[in-house]
C-alpha atoms as a PDB file:
ATOM      1  CA  MET A   1       0.000   0.000   0.000  1.00  0.00           C
ATOM      2  CA  LYS A   2       2.857   2.358   0.859  1.00  0.00           C
ATOM      3  CA  GLN A   3       4.436   1.746  -2.544  1.00  0.00           C
ATOM      4  CA  GLU A   4       1.120   2.476  -4.269  1.00  0.00           C
ATOM      5  CA  LEU A   5       0.737   5.772  -2.412  1.00  0.00           C
ATOM      6  CA  THR A   6       4.334   6.713  -3.193  1.00  0.00           C
ATOM      7  CA  ALA A   7       3.657   5.999  -6.861  1.00  0.00           C
ATOM      8  CA  LEU A   8       0.504   8.159  -6.714  1.00  0.00           C
ATOM      9  CA  VAL A   9       2.442  11.110  -5.290  1.00  0.00           C
ATOM     10  CA  ALA A  10       5.130  10.555  -7.941  1.00  0.00           C
ATOM     11  CA  ALA A  11       2.421  10.740 -10.605  1.00  0.00           C
ATOM     12  CA  ILE A  12       1.101  13.982  -9.090  1.00  0.00           C
ATOM     13  CA  ARG A  13       4.614  15.444  -9.223  1.00  0.00           C
ATOM     14  CA  ALA A  14       5.328  14.215 -12.739  1.00  0.00           C
ATOM     15  CA  GLN A  15       3.649  17.165 -14.474  1.00  0.00           C
ATOM     16  CA  PRO A  16       3.394  20.930 -14.109  1.00  0.00           C
ATOM     17  CA  TRP A  17       0.453  22.467 -12.251  1.00  0.00           C
ATOM     18  CA  ALA A  18      -1.288  25.805 -12.603  1.00  0.00           C
ATOM     19  CA  ILE A  19      -2.753  25.942  -9.107  1.00  0.00           C
ATOM     20  CA  MET A  20      -2.522  27.832  -5.834  1.00  0.00           C
ATOM     21  CA  PRO A  21       0.418  26.324  -3.850  1.00  0.00           C
ATOM     22  CA  ASP A  22      -1.459  25.231  -0.714  1.00  0.00           C
ATOM     23  CA  TYR A  23      -3.900  23.240  -2.840  1.00  0.00           C
ATOM     24  CA  LEU A  24      -1.106  21.266  -4.499  1.00  0.00           C
ATOM     25  CA  ASN A  25       0.302  20.428  -1.071  1.00  0.00           C
ATOM     26  CA  ALA A  26      -3.179  19.428   0.082  1.00  0.00           C
ATOM     27  CA  ILE A  27      -3.685  17.140  -2.926  1.00  0.00           C
ATOM     28  CA  GLU A  28      -0.412  15.366  -2.114  1.00  0.00           C
ATOM     29  CA  ALA A  29      -1.453  15.099   1.531  1.00  0.00           C
ATOM     30  CA  ILE A  30      -4.796  13.579   0.566  1.00  0.00           C
ATOM     31  CA  ALA A  31      -3.048  11.121  -1.736  1.00  0.00           C
ATOM     32  CA  LEU A  32      -0.938  10.003   1.215  1.00  0.00           C
ATOM     33  CA  ARG A  33      -3.962   9.984   3.541  1.00  0.00           C
ATOM     34  CA  ALA A  34      -2.033  12.469   5.684  1.00  0.00           C
ATOM     35  CA  LEU A  35      -5.243  14.046   6.893  1.00  0.00           C
ATOM     36  CA  ASP A  36      -3.599  15.658   9.919  1.00  0.00           C
ATOM     37  CA  GLU A  37      -1.327  17.743   7.707  1.00  0.00           C
ATOM     38  CA  ASP A  38      -1.319  21.431   8.608  1.00  0.00           C
ATOM     39  CA  VAL A  39      -1.777  22.332   4.939  1.00  0.00           C
ATOM     40  CA  LEU A  40      -5.216  20.700   4.937  1.00  0.00           C
ATOM     41  CA  ARG A  41      -6.218  22.875   7.854  1.00  0.00           C
ATOM     42  CA  ARG A  42      -5.042  26.007   6.016  1.00  0.00           C
ATOM     43  CA  VAL A  43      -6.939  25.062   2.881  1.00  0.00           C
ATOM     44  CA  ALA A  44     -10.076  24.276   4.901  1.00  0.00           C
ATOM     45  CA  GLN A  45      -9.904  27.730   6.461  1.00  0.00           C
ATOM     46  CA  ASP A  46      -9.984  29.573   3.134  1.00  0.00           C
ATOM     47  CA  GLY A  47     -13.779  29.298   3.077  1.00  0.00           C
ATOM     48  CA  HIS A  48     -14.048  27.066   0.027  1.00  0.00           C
ATOM     49  CA  VAL A  49     -16.109  24.367   1.783  1.00  0.00           C
ATOM     50  CA  PRO A  50     -19.134  26.568   2.599  1.00  0.00           C
ATOM     51  CA  ARG A  51     -18.729  28.263  -0.796  1.00  0.00           C
ATOM     52  CA  LEU A  52     -18.788  24.875  -2.493  1.00  0.00           C
ATOM     53  CA  GLU A  53     -21.966  23.875  -0.665  1.00  0.00           C
ATOM     54  CA  ALA A  54     -23.604  27.181  -1.596  1.00  0.00           C
ATOM     55  CA  ASN A  55     -22.453  26.860  -5.217  1.00  0.00           C
ATOM     56  CA  LEU A  56     -23.784  23.326  -5.558  1.00  0.00           C
ATOM     57  CA  SER A  57     -27.113  24.493  -4.116  1.00  0.00           C
ATOM     58  CA  ALA A  58     -27.141  27.400  -6.565  1.00  0.00           C
ATOM     59  CA  VAL A  59     -26.584  25.105  -9.545  1.00  0.00           C
ATOM     60  CA  ALA A  60     -29.256  22.694  -8.318  1.00  0.00           C
ATOM     61  CA  ALA A  61     -31.691  25.592  -7.993  1.00  0.00           C
ATOM     62  CA  VAL A  62     -31.023  26.860 -11.513  1.00  0.00           C
ATOM     63  CA  GLY A  63     -33.513  25.275 -13.871  1.00  0.00           C
ATOM     64  CA  THR A  64     -33.414  21.575 -14.678  1.00  0.00           C
ATOM     65  CA  ARG A  65     -30.644  19.161 -15.578  1.00  0.00           C
ATOM     66  CA  LEU A  66     -29.370  19.622 -19.127  1.00  0.00           C
ATOM     67  CA  GLU A  67     -29.870  16.297 -20.870  1.00  0.00           C
ATOM     68  CA  GLY A  68     -26.618  14.575 -21.781  1.00  0.00           C
ATOM     69  CA  THR A  69     -24.512  16.380 -19.174  1.00  0.00           C
ATOM     70  CA  GLY A  70     -23.128  15.150 -15.918  1.00  0.00           C
ATOM     71  CA  MET A  71     -23.451  18.265 -13.772  1.00  0.00           C
ATOM     72  CA  SER A  72     -25.042  21.102 -15.748  1.00  0.00           C
ATOM     73  CA  THR A  73     -28.498  22.688 -15.774  1.00  0.00           C
ATOM     74  CA  ILE A  74     -30.583  24.800 -18.132  1.00  0.00           C
ATOM     75  CA  ARG A  75     -33.002  27.673 -17.577  1.00  0.00           C
ATOM     76  CA  ASP A  76     -34.677  29.782 -20.253  1.00  0.00           C
ATOM     77  CA  GLY A  77     -32.087  28.813 -22.851  1.00  0.00           C
ATOM     78  CA  THR A  78     -29.084  29.386 -20.577  1.00  0.00           C
ATOM     79  CA  ALA A  79     -26.909  26.399 -19.689  1.00  0.00           C
ATOM     80  CA  VAL A  80     -25.047  26.611 -16.363  1.00  0.00           C
ATOM     81  CA  VAL A  81     -21.809  24.586 -16.300  1.00  0.00           C
ATOM     82  CA  PRO A  82     -19.978  24.505 -12.935  1.00  0.00           C
ATOM     83  CA  MET A  83     -16.197  24.583 -12.425  1.00  0.00           C
ATOM     84  CA  PHE A  84     -15.560  23.943  -8.731  1.00  0.00           C
ATOM     85  CA  GLY A  85     -12.450  22.895  -6.812  1.00  0.00           C
ATOM     86  CA  PRO A  86      -9.099  21.694  -8.205  1.00  0.00           C
ATOM     87  CA  ILE A  87      -9.104  20.813 -11.907  1.00  0.00           C
ATOM     88  CA  PHE A  88      -7.862  17.376 -12.995  1.00  0.00           C
ATOM     89  CA  PRO A  89      -7.602  15.993 -16.544  1.00  0.00           C
ATOM     90  CA  ARG A  90     -10.184  13.284 -15.799  1.00  0.00           C
ATOM     91  CA  ALA A  91     -12.166  11.757 -12.957  1.00  0.00           C
ATOM     92  CA  SER A  92      -9.981  10.214 -10.243  1.00  0.00           C
ATOM     93  CA  MET A  93      -9.914   9.306  -6.576  1.00  0.00           C
ATOM     94  CA  VAL A  94      -8.009  12.493  -5.759  1.00  0.00           C
ATOM     95  CA  ASN A  95     -10.368  14.946  -7.454  1.00  0.00           C
ATOM     96  CA  ALA A  96     -13.326  13.172  -5.828  1.00  0.00           C
ATOM     97  CA  SER A  97     -11.624  13.584  -2.436  1.00  0.00           C
ATOM     98  CA  THR A  98     -10.988  17.292  -3.026  1.00  0.00           C
ATOM     99  CA  ASP A  99     -14.424  18.163  -4.478  1.00  0.00           C
ATOM    100  CA  GLY A 100     -12.653  18.861  -7.732  1.00  0.00           C
ATOM    101  CA  THR A 101     -13.580  19.168 -11.408  1.00  0.00           C
ATOM    102  CA  SER A 102     -12.709  16.711 -14.149  1.00  0.00           C
ATOM    103  CA  LEU A 103     -11.617  18.783 -17.160  1.00  0.00           C
ATOM    104  CA  ASP A 104     -12.780  15.976 -19.441  1.00  0.00           C
ATOM    105  CA  ALA A 105     -16.273  16.002 -17.889  1.00  0.00           C
ATOM    106  CA  TYR A 106     -16.399  19.821 -17.832  1.00  0.00           C
ATOM    107  CA  MET A 107     -15.550  20.109 -21.531  1.00  0.00           C
ATOM    108  CA  ARG A 108     -18.020  17.336 -22.358  1.00  0.00           C
ATOM    109  CA  ASP A 109     -20.771  19.383 -20.709  1.00  0.00           C
ATOM    110  CA  ILE A 110     -19.613  22.477 -22.631  1.00  0.00           C
ATOM    111  CA  ARG A 111     -19.793  20.568 -25.928  1.00  0.00           C
ATOM    112  CA  VAL A 112     -23.257  19.231 -25.113  1.00  0.00           C
ATOM    113  CA  ALA A 113     -24.434  22.775 -24.342  1.00  0.00           C
ATOM    114  CA  GLN A 114     -22.915  24.044 -27.585  1.00  0.00           C
ATOM    115  CA  ALA A 115     -24.683  21.343 -29.593  1.00  0.00           C
ATOM    116  CA  SER A 116     -28.080  21.588 -27.862  1.00  0.00           C
ATOM    117  CA  THR A 117     -30.772  23.419 -29.800  1.00  0.00           C
ATOM    118  CA  ASP A 118     -32.350  24.343 -26.457  1.00  0.00           C
ATOM    119  CA  VAL A 119     -29.275  26.339 -25.381  1.00  0.00           C
ATOM    120  CA  THR A 120     -28.655  29.869 -26.653  1.00  0.00           C
ATOM    121  CA  ARG A 121     -25.927  30.893 -24.187  1.00  0.00           C
ATOM    122  CA  ILE A 122     -23.659  29.333 -21.556  1.00  0.00           C
ATOM    123  CA  VAL A 123     -22.749  30.511 -18.070  1.00  0.00           C
ATOM    124  CA  THR A 124     -19.874  28.771 -16.314  1.00  0.00           C
ATOM    125  CA  LEU A 125     -20.054  29.140 -12.532  1.00  0.00           C
ATOM    126  CA  VAL A 126     -16.521  29.219 -11.126  1.00  0.00           C
ATOM    127  CA  ASP A 127     -14.795  28.769  -7.780  1.00  0.00           C
ATOM    128  CA  SER A 128     -11.495  26.973  -8.362  1.00  0.00           C
ATOM    129  CA  PRO A 129      -7.847  27.257  -7.220  1.00  0.00           C
ATOM    130  CA  GLY A 130      -6.612  25.875 -10.565  1.00  0.00           C
ATOM    131  CA  GLY A 131      -5.225  22.458 -11.425  1.00  0.00           C
ATOM    132  CA  VAL A 132      -3.188  20.279 -13.742  1.00  0.00           C
ATOM    133  CA  VAL A 133      -1.824  21.867 -16.928  1.00  0.00           C
ATOM    134  CA  SER A 134      -2.510  18.811 -19.108  1.00  0.00           C
ATOM    135  CA  GLY A 135      -5.293  19.465 -21.628  1.00  0.00           C
ATOM    136  CA  LEU A 136      -5.738  23.167 -20.842  1.00  0.00           C
ATOM    137  CA  GLY A 137      -4.437  24.440 -24.179  1.00  0.00           C
ATOM    138  CA  GLU A 138      -6.967  22.477 -26.217  1.00  0.00           C
ATOM    139  CA  ALA A 139      -9.775  23.307 -23.794  1.00  0.00           C
ATOM    140  CA  ALA A 140      -8.900  27.023 -24.001  1.00  0.00           C
ATOM    141  CA  GLU A 141      -9.093  26.909 -27.799  1.00  0.00           C
ATOM    142  CA  THR A 142     -12.505  25.240 -27.650  1.00  0.00           C
ATOM    143  CA  LEU A 143     -13.874  27.872 -25.282  1.00  0.00           C
ATOM    144  CA  ARG A 144     -12.407  30.723 -27.327  1.00  0.00           C
ATOM    145  CA  ALA A 145     -13.970  29.370 -30.547  1.00  0.00           C
ATOM    146  CA  SER A 146     -17.438  28.786 -29.056  1.00  0.00           C
ATOM    147  CA  ALA A 147     -20.208  29.786 -31.438  1.00  0.00           C
ATOM    148  CA  LYS A 148     -22.490  30.425 -28.469  1.00  0.00           C
ATOM    149  CA  PRO A 149     -21.625  33.226 -26.027  1.00  0.00           C
ATOM    150  CA  ILE A 150     -20.035  32.022 -22.787  1.00  0.00           C
ATOM    151  CA  THR A 151     -19.974  34.110 -19.601  1.00  0.00           C
ATOM    152  CA  ALA A 152     -17.892  33.144 -16.580  1.00  0.00           C
ATOM    153  CA  PHE A 153     -19.390  34.113 -13.233  1.00  0.00           C
ATOM    154  CA  VAL A 154     -16.801  33.896 -10.458  1.00  0.00           C
ATOM    155  CA  THR A 155     -18.307  33.353  -7.045  1.00  0.00           C
ATOM    156  CA  GLY A 156     -15.046  32.748  -5.122  1.00  0.00           C
ATOM    157  CA  ASN A 157     -11.630  32.277  -6.711  1.00  0.00           C
ATOM    158  CA  CYS A 158     -10.795  31.871 -10.374  1.00  0.00           C
ATOM    159  CA  ALA A 159      -7.128  31.016 -10.033  1.00  0.00           C
ATOM    160  CA  SER A 160      -4.389  29.778 -12.317  1.00  0.00           C
ATOM    161  CA  ALA A 161      -5.727  26.949 -14.537  1.00  0.00           C
ATOM    162  CA  ALA A 162      -9.291  28.131 -13.925  1.00  0.00           C
ATOM    163  CA  TYR A 163      -8.349  31.657 -15.034  1.00  0.00           C
ATOM    164  CA  TRP A 164      -6.513  30.225 -18.049  1.00  0.00           C
ATOM    165  CA  LEU A 165      -9.839  28.741 -19.156  1.00  0.00           C
ATOM    166  CA  CYS A 166     -12.102  31.608 -18.167  1.00  0.00           C
ATOM    167  CA  SER A 167      -9.928  34.244 -19.830  1.00  0.00           C
ATOM    168  CA  GLN A 168     -11.033  32.709 -23.144  1.00  0.00           C
ATOM    169  CA  VAL A 169     -14.779  33.289 -22.738  1.00  0.00           C
ATOM    170  CA  ARG A 170     -16.733  36.315 -23.907  1.00  0.00           C
ATOM    171  CA  GLU A 171     -17.164  37.966 -20.511  1.00  0.00           C
ATOM    172  CA  ILE A 172     -15.946  37.505 -16.928  1.00  0.00           C
ATOM    173  CA  VAL A 173     -18.314  38.741 -14.225  1.00  0.00           C
ATOM    174  CA  LEU A 174     -17.167  38.754 -10.596  1.00  0.00           C
ATOM    175  CA  ASP A 175     -18.975  38.558  -7.310  1.00  0.00           C
ATOM    176  CA  ARG A 176     -17.829  41.632  -5.393  1.00  0.00           C
ATOM    177  CA  SER A 177     -15.768  39.431  -3.038  1.00  0.00           C
ATOM    178  CA  ALA A 178     -14.262  37.282  -5.817  1.00  0.00           C
ATOM    179  CA  ALA A 179     -10.611  37.196  -6.916  1.00  0.00           C
ATOM    180  CA  VAL A 180      -8.911  36.155 -10.146  1.00  0.00           C
ATOM    181  CA  GLY A 181      -5.374  35.564 -11.348  1.00  0.00           C
ATOM    182  CA  SER A 182      -2.549  33.470  -9.865  1.00  0.00           C
ATOM    183  CA  ILE A 183      -1.074  33.275 -13.360  1.00  0.00           C
ATOM    184  CA  GLY A 184       1.915  30.952 -13.297  1.00  0.00           C
ATOM    185  CA  VAL A 185       3.089  27.348 -13.309  1.00  0.00           C
ATOM    186  CA  VAL A 186       4.640  25.257 -10.545  1.00  0.00           C
ATOM    187  CA  ALA A 187       6.444  21.912 -10.495  1.00  0.00           C
ATOM    188  CA  SER A 188       6.457  19.954  -7.235  1.00  0.00           C
ATOM    189  CA  MET A 189       9.053  17.257  -6.618  1.00  0.00           C
ATOM    190  CA  SER A 190      11.320  15.781  -4.015  1.00  0.00           C
ATOM    191  CA  ARG A 191      14.439  13.632  -3.953  1.00  0.00           C
ATOM    192  CA  GLN A 192      15.368  11.379  -1.081  1.00  0.00           C
ATOM    193  CA  GLU A 193      18.559  12.666   0.525  1.00  0.00           C
ATOM    194  CA  VAL A 194      18.924  10.232   3.440  1.00  0.00           C
ATOM    195  CA  ALA A 195      18.021   6.602   4.108  1.00  0.00           C
ATOM    196  CA  ASP A 196      14.340   6.091   4.884  1.00  0.00           C
ATOM    197  CA  VAL A 197      12.902   4.616   8.075  1.00  0.00           C
ATOM    198  CA  ASN A 198      13.454   1.090   6.770  1.00  0.00           C
ATOM    199  CA  GLY A 199      17.135   1.732   6.257  1.00  0.00           C
ATOM    200  CA  ARG A 200      16.859   1.749   2.466  1.00  0.00           C
ATOM    201  CA  ARG A 201      17.750   4.528   0.085  1.00  0.00           C
ATOM    202  CA  SER A 202      15.976   5.158  -3.221  1.00  0.00           C
ATOM    203  CA  TYR A 203      17.961   5.485  -6.435  1.00  0.00           C
ATOM    204  CA  GLU A 204      16.956   6.371  -9.980  1.00  0.00           C
ATOM    205  CA  ILE A 205      19.013   5.481 -13.043  1.00  0.00           C
ATOM    206  CA  VAL A 206      18.001   6.745 -16.471  1.00  0.00           C
ATOM    207  CA  SER A 207      19.368   5.808 -19.862  1.00  0.00           C
ATOM    208  CA  SER A 208      22.566   7.516 -20.967  1.00  0.00           C
ATOM    209  CA  ASN A 209      20.955   9.689 -23.649  1.00  0.00           C
ATOM    210  CA  ALA A 210      18.077  10.909 -21.468  1.00  0.00           C
ATOM    211  CA  PRO A 211      19.664  12.967 -18.675  1.00  0.00           C
ATOM    212  CA  ASP A 212      16.619  15.260 -18.506  1.00  0.00           C
ATOM    213  CA  LYS A 213      14.114  12.429 -18.098  1.00  0.00           C
ATOM    214  CA  ARG A 214      14.540  12.631 -14.302  1.00  0.00           C
ATOM    215  CA  PRO A 215      16.180  16.019 -13.617  1.00  0.00           C
ATOM    216  CA  ASP A 216      17.705  16.287 -10.160  1.00  0.00           C
ATOM    217  CA  PRO A 217      16.320  19.408  -8.404  1.00  0.00           C
ATOM    218  CA  SER A 218      19.266  19.350  -5.986  1.00  0.00           C
ATOM    219  CA  THR A 219      21.649  20.277  -8.826  1.00  0.00           C
ATOM    220  CA  GLU A 220      21.904  23.519 -10.777  1.00  0.00           C
ATOM    221  CA  GLU A 221      21.526  21.651 -14.073  1.00  0.00           C
ATOM    222  CA  GLY A 222      18.430  19.835 -12.848  1.00  0.00           C
ATOM    223  CA  ARG A 223      16.771  23.020 -11.627  1.00  0.00           C
ATOM    224  CA  ALA A 224      17.545  24.747 -14.931  1.00  0.00           C
ATOM    225  CA  SER A 225      15.925  21.885 -16.870  1.00  0.00           C
ATOM    226  CA  ILE A 226      12.796  22.021 -14.710  1.00  0.00           C
ATOM    227  CA  GLN A 227      12.682  25.837 -14.943  1.00  0.00           C
ATOM    228  CA  THR A 228      12.820  25.660 -18.745  1.00  0.00           C
ATOM    229  CA  GLU A 229       9.871  23.253 -18.793  1.00  0.00           C
ATOM    230  CA  ILE A 230       7.565  25.266 -16.550  1.00  0.00           C
ATOM    231  CA  ASP A 231       8.536  28.574 -18.200  1.00  0.00           C
ATOM    232  CA  ALA A 232       7.504  27.133 -21.576  1.00  0.00           C
ATOM    233  CA  VAL A 233       4.089  26.217 -20.164  1.00  0.00           C
ATOM    234  CA  GLU A 234       3.786  29.660 -18.556  1.00  0.00           C
ATOM    235  CA  THR A 235       4.477  31.300 -21.926  1.00  0.00           C
ATOM    236  CA  LEU A 236       1.565  29.395 -23.489  1.00  0.00           C
ATOM    237  CA  PHE A 237      -0.594  30.311 -20.477  1.00  0.00           C
ATOM    238  CA  ILE A 238       0.188  34.026 -20.793  1.00  0.00           C
ATOM    239  CA  GLU A 239      -0.254  34.058 -24.574  1.00  0.00           C
ATOM    240  CA  ASP A 240      -3.698  32.454 -24.251  1.00  0.00           C
ATOM    241  CA  VAL A 241      -4.712  34.950 -21.537  1.00  0.00           C
ATOM    242  CA  ALA A 242      -3.532  37.858 -23.703  1.00  0.00           C
ATOM    243  CA  ASN A 243      -5.453  36.574 -26.730  1.00  0.00           C
ATOM    244  CA  GLY A 244      -8.558  35.864 -24.714  1.00  0.00           C
ATOM    245  CA  ARG A 245      -8.602  39.210 -22.912  1.00  0.00           C
ATOM    246  CA  GLY A 246      -7.564  41.284 -25.924  1.00  0.00           C
ATOM    247  CA  VAL A 247      -4.382  42.757 -24.413  1.00  0.00           C
ATOM    248  CA  SER A 248      -0.661  42.359 -25.036  1.00  0.00           C
ATOM    249  CA  VAL A 249       1.555  39.672 -23.531  1.00  0.00           C
ATOM    250  CA  ASP A 250       3.607  42.416 -21.877  1.00  0.00           C
ATOM    251  CA  HIS A 251       0.460  43.815 -20.286  1.00  0.00           C
ATOM    252  CA  VAL A 252      -0.448  40.412 -18.839  1.00  0.00           C
ATOM    253  CA  ARG A 253       3.073  39.978 -17.445  1.00  0.00           C
ATOM    254  CA  ALA A 254       3.135  43.427 -15.865  1.00  0.00           C
ATOM    255  CA  GLU A 255      -0.453  44.106 -14.801  1.00  0.00           C
ATOM    256  CA  PHE A 256      -2.255  40.792 -14.258  1.00  0.00           C
ATOM    257  CA  GLY A 257      -1.028  40.142 -10.724  1.00  0.00           C
ATOM    258  CA  ARG A 258       2.411  38.656 -11.440  1.00  0.00           C
ATOM    259  CA  GLY A 259       1.314  35.322  -9.985  1.00  0.00           C
ATOM    260  CA  ALA A 260      -0.896  36.706  -7.218  1.00  0.00           C
ATOM    261  CA  LEU A 261      -4.663  36.653  -6.886  1.00  0.00           C
ATOM    262  CA  VAL A 262      -6.251  40.030  -7.629  1.00  0.00           C
ATOM    263  CA  SER A 263      -9.421  41.311  -5.974  1.00  0.00           C
ATOM    264  CA  ALA A 264     -12.492  42.172  -8.037  1.00  0.00           C
ATOM    265  CA  LYS A 265     -12.084  45.951  -8.232  1.00  0.00           C
ATOM    266  CA  ARG A 266      -8.378  45.806  -9.106  1.00  0.00           C
ATOM    267  CA  ALA A 267      -8.921  42.969 -11.578  1.00  0.00           C
ATOM    268  CA  ILE A 268     -11.527  44.953 -13.503  1.00  0.00           C
ATOM    269  CA  ALA A 269      -9.286  48.037 -13.578  1.00  0.00           C
ATOM    270  CA  ALA A 270      -6.429  45.947 -14.980  1.00  0.00           C
ATOM    271  CA  GLY A 271      -8.636  44.312 -17.628  1.00  0.00           C
ATOM    272  CA  MET A 272      -8.520  40.842 -16.061  1.00  0.00           C
ATOM    273  CA  ALA A 273     -12.320  40.799 -15.749  1.00  0.00           C
ATOM    274  CA  ASP A 274     -15.207  42.903 -17.001  1.00  0.00           C
ATOM    275  CA  ARG A 275     -17.569  43.844 -14.204  1.00  0.00           C
ATOM    276  CA  VAL A 276     -19.047  43.037 -10.803  1.00  0.00           C
ATOM    277  CA  GLY A 277     -22.433  41.341 -10.788  1.00  0.00           C
ATOM    278  CA  THR A 278     -24.587  38.588  -9.336  1.00  0.00           C
ATOM    279  CA  LEU A 279     -25.357  35.108 -10.597  1.00  0.00           C
ATOM    280  CA  GLU A 280     -29.069  35.876 -10.878  1.00  0.00           C
ATOM    281  CA  GLY A 281     -28.264  39.075 -12.747  1.00  0.00           C
ATOM    282  CA  VAL A 282     -26.092  37.181 -15.236  1.00  0.00           C
ATOM    283  CA  LEU A 283     -28.702  34.481 -15.731  1.00  0.00           C
ATOM    284  CA  THR A 284     -31.499  36.947 -16.481  1.00  0.00           C
ATOM    285  CA  GLU A 285     -29.546  39.032 -18.985  1.00  0.00           C
ATOM    286  CA  GLU A 286     -30.255  38.821 -22.678  1.00  0.00           C
ATOM    287  CA  SER A 287     -27.959  36.458 -24.535  1.00  0.00           C
ATOM    288  CA  GLY A 288     -25.318  37.808 -26.841  1.00  0.00           C
ATOM    289  CA  ARG A 289     -23.823  40.482 -24.590  1.00  0.00           C
ATOM    290  CA  THR A 290     -20.305  41.074 -25.842  1.00  0.00           C
ATOM    291  CA  ARG A 291     -17.275  41.512 -23.645  1.00  0.00           C
ATOM    292  CA  LYS A 292     -15.593  44.052 -25.896  1.00  0.00           C
ATOM    293  CA  THR A 293     -17.963  46.906 -25.026  1.00  0.00           C
ATOM    294  CA  GLY A 294     -18.630  49.154 -22.073  1.00  0.00           C
ATOM    295  CA  ALA A 295     -16.673  49.405 -18.850  1.00  0.00           C
ATOM    296  CA  GLY A 296     -14.585  46.299 -19.507  1.00  0.00           C
ATOM    297  CA  ARG A 297     -13.077  47.667 -22.718  1.00  0.00           C
ATOM    298  CA  SER A 298     -12.511  51.084 -21.153  1.00  0.00           C
ATOM    299  CA  ALA A 299     -10.771  49.564 -18.144  1.00  0.00           C
ATOM    300  CA  ARG A 300      -8.468  47.477 -20.330  1.00  0.00           C
ATOM    301  CA  ALA A 301      -7.616  50.433 -22.558  1.00  0.00           C
ATOM    302  CA  THR A 302      -6.831  52.602 -19.539  1.00  0.00           C
ATOM    303  CA  ALA A 303      -4.708  49.868 -17.995  1.00  0.00           C
ATOM    304  CA  GLU A 304      -2.807  49.330 -21.259  1.00  0.00           C
ATOM    305  CA  ILE A 305      -2.048  53.039 -21.560  1.00  0.00           C
ATOM    306  CA  GLU A 306      -0.858  53.157 -17.957  1.00  0.00           C
ATOM    307  CA  ALA A 307       1.394  50.132 -18.523  1.00  0.00           C
ATOM    308  CA  ARG A 308       2.973  51.794 -21.552  1.00  0.00           C
ATOM    309  CA  ARG A 309       3.465  55.008 -19.582  1.00  0.00           C
ATOM    310  CA  ARG A 310       5.273  53.141 -16.827  1.00  0.00           C
ATOM    311  CA  ALA A 311       7.459  51.345 -19.351  1.00  0.00           C
ATOM    312  CA  ALA A 312       8.366  54.644 -21.007  1.00  0.00           C
ATOM    313  CA  MET A 313       9.311  56.122 -17.637  1.00  0.00           C
ATOM    314  CA  ARG A 314      11.539  53.144 -16.853  1.00  0.00           C
ATOM    315  CA  ASN A 315      13.312  53.577 -20.174  1.00  0.00           C
END
């Protein structure tokens, strides 16, 4: 059993994540059944549990189940597709334990809503710390190319991988207490430095022509290899955000939080989101509202001008 859990943690650490750091630590702790870990207590205190319960109740109260979906509803032509908790590529024990979202199931619901003749617009209800990078690029392209308007309503956090996805939709509306951002990529790994409790030491040997297959984070060369990998993913992340939000890559790097979560008012001023609203307000709006008009466009233009002014002053 111990070997199986060790292998599970190794699998978790084998790929980059776009997620808030405490949540990645919590996922590893859950995988190890280390339920007394302090990180789980910190994550529990961020308020996501009562928010999750309220969000699930909100989805259940919105219309009726959309036929062919696993977790979505429909009301007056509007499909509501939830994105709650950590995002994983597909259903697993870990995402079930963390009240997470399967990206595969989420995108399946999106495609069903896009194909349904009963659906004229889509609202994705979001409260997520982010998740695994795998599959996000393709999912982002699908959301960006949607023929039906998609609005993201953020009720809690829309962080990292979740923001990567939501930055591609037509409009982002925030609850007044919501936060967005945490743009960046992290790799989590460890290497045994001393003998374990059983008196054995773990070793890894890779083939001669694959030195970067298992980079050693304790060496400068290993860290550089890992840094190159996660920076490449971050570049794709930032480029997608820039395309989705209609701003430059430089603007995203400078003004979109630099890896931090950004509160609603600041996020709208920077062009990361469009406006503050309520779920009921979003659901009762006419379909077809475009993100490129009104306060959202003005805020982004102002923020872009300010970013250029700062750059000119630095030069």
